[in-house]
């Protein structure tokens, strides 16, 4: 998972953000079920951050559509 800044996330489509969330969740699931010695905390942390950023943007978009 590569890190994206706020502007890059805002430019992405809803479909791309949904895919990013799914990919992040798969990465997180994969890392969590690894052997304890081969887990990478930085990958888990990065995946969680990317999921949160994508979900935050998606929720903000949905909230803005409801108020219009």
C-alpha atoms as a PDB file:
ATOM      1  CA  UNK A   1       0.000   0.000   0.000  1.00  0.00           C
ATOM      2  CA  UNK A   2       1.381   3.351  -0.920  1.00  0.00           C
ATOM      3  CA  UNK A   3       0.659   6.504   1.023  1.00  0.00           C
ATOM      4  CA  UNK A   4      -1.434   9.233  -0.541  1.00  0.00           C
ATOM      5  CA  UNK A   5      -1.941  12.767   0.587  1.00  0.00           C
ATOM      6  CA  UNK A   6      -5.335  14.436   1.054  1.00  0.00           C
ATOM      7  CA  UNK A   7      -5.395  16.012  -2.392  1.00  0.00           C
ATOM      8  CA  UNK A   8      -4.678  12.692  -4.105  1.00  0.00           C
ATOM      9  CA  UNK A   9      -7.420  10.960  -2.138  1.00  0.00           C
ATOM     10  CA  UNK A  10      -9.949  13.688  -2.952  1.00  0.00           C
ATOM     11  CA  UNK A  11      -9.241  13.328  -6.682  1.00  0.00           C
ATOM     12  CA  UNK A  12      -9.969   9.591  -6.698  1.00  0.00           C
ATOM     13  CA  UNK A  13     -13.355   8.219  -7.698  1.00  0.00           C
ATOM     14  CA  UNK A  14     -15.651   6.428  -5.273  1.00  0.00           C
ATOM     15  CA  UNK A  15     -14.876   3.158  -7.022  1.00  0.00           C
ATOM     16  CA  UNK A  16     -11.123   3.674  -6.563  1.00  0.00           C
ATOM     17  CA  UNK A  17     -11.619   4.482  -2.885  1.00  0.00           C
ATOM     18  CA  UNK A  18     -13.766   1.365  -2.394  1.00  0.00           C
ATOM     19  CA  UNK A  19     -11.024  -0.693  -4.044  1.00  0.00           C
ATOM     20  CA  UNK A  20      -8.398   0.926  -1.798  1.00  0.00           C
ATOM     21  CA  UNK A  21     -10.431   0.000   1.286  1.00  0.00           C
ATOM     22  CA  UNK A  22     -10.807  -3.584   0.107  1.00  0.00           C
ATOM     23  CA  UNK A  23      -7.117  -3.888  -0.755  1.00  0.00           C
ATOM     24  CA  UNK A  24      -6.152  -2.417   2.621  1.00  0.00           C
ATOM     25  CA  UNK A  25      -8.402  -4.858   4.435  1.00  0.00           C
ATOM     26  CA  UNK A  26      -6.911  -7.777   2.512  1.00  0.00           C
ATOM     27  CA  UNK A  27      -3.391  -6.614   3.375  1.00  0.00           C
ATOM     28  CA  UNK A  28      -4.365  -6.214   7.017  1.00  0.00           C
ATOM     29  CA  UNK A  29      -5.963  -9.670   7.134  1.00  0.00           C
ATOM     30  CA  UNK A  30      -2.935 -11.226   5.450  1.00  0.00           C
ATOM     31  CA  UNK A  31      -0.479  -9.604   7.868  1.00  0.00           C
ATOM     32  CA  UNK A  32      -2.491 -10.444  10.979  1.00  0.00           C
ATOM     33  CA  UNK A  33      -2.591 -14.139  10.194  1.00  0.00           C
ATOM     34  CA  UNK A  34       1.138 -14.417   9.551  1.00  0.00           C
ATOM     35  CA  UNK A  35       3.478 -16.031  12.017  1.00  0.00           C
ATOM     36  CA  UNK A  36       4.178 -13.622  14.879  1.00  0.00           C
ATOM     37  CA  UNK A  37       7.844 -13.367  13.928  1.00  0.00           C
ATOM     38  CA  UNK A  38       7.172 -12.454  10.307  1.00  0.00           C
ATOM     39  CA  UNK A  39       4.526  -9.768  10.916  1.00  0.00           C
ATOM     40  CA  UNK A  40       5.438  -6.206  10.080  1.00  0.00           C
ATOM     41  CA  UNK A  41       3.858  -3.612  12.358  1.00  0.00           C
ATOM     42  CA  UNK A  42       4.560  -0.839   9.867  1.00  0.00           C
ATOM     43  CA  UNK A  43       2.549  -2.622   7.162  1.00  0.00           C
ATOM     44  CA  UNK A  44      -0.366  -3.138   9.547  1.00  0.00           C
ATOM     45  CA  UNK A  45      -0.254   0.477  10.682  1.00  0.00           C
ATOM     46  CA  UNK A  46      -0.011   1.756   7.106  1.00  0.00           C
ATOM     47  CA  UNK A  47      -2.932  -0.393   5.967  1.00  0.00           C
ATOM     48  CA  UNK A  48      -5.092   0.862   8.829  1.00  0.00           C
ATOM     49  CA  UNK A  49      -4.204   4.458   7.985  1.00  0.00           C
ATOM     50  CA  UNK A  50      -5.041   4.034   4.305  1.00  0.00           C
ATOM     51  CA  UNK A  51      -8.356   2.365   5.145  1.00  0.00           C
ATOM     52  CA  UNK A  52      -9.246   5.191   7.513  1.00  0.00           C
ATOM     53  CA  UNK A  53      -8.350   7.893   4.991  1.00  0.00           C
ATOM     54  CA  UNK A  54     -10.382   6.288   2.223  1.00  0.00           C
ATOM     55  CA  UNK A  55     -13.398   5.678   4.469  1.00  0.00           C
ATOM     56  CA  UNK A  56     -13.233   9.223   5.826  1.00  0.00           C
ATOM     57  CA  UNK A  57     -13.346  10.657   2.293  1.00  0.00           C
ATOM     58  CA  UNK A  58     -16.159   8.306   1.224  1.00  0.00           C
ATOM     59  CA  UNK A  59     -18.232   9.193   4.288  1.00  0.00           C
ATOM     60  CA  UNK A  60     -17.650  12.920   3.754  1.00  0.00           C
ATOM     61  CA  UNK A  61     -18.821  12.614   0.143  1.00  0.00           C
ATOM     62  CA  UNK A  62     -21.942  10.700   1.174  1.00  0.00           C
ATOM     63  CA  UNK A  63     -22.729  13.243   3.888  1.00  0.00           C
ATOM     64  CA  UNK A  64     -22.370  16.105   1.394  1.00  0.00           C
ATOM     65  CA  UNK A  65     -24.741  14.398  -1.059  1.00  0.00           C
ATOM     66  CA  UNK A  66     -27.377  14.005   1.655  1.00  0.00           C
ATOM     67  CA  UNK A  67     -27.282  17.713   2.536  1.00  0.00           C
ATOM     68  CA  UNK A  68     -27.628  18.909  -1.050  1.00  0.00           C
END
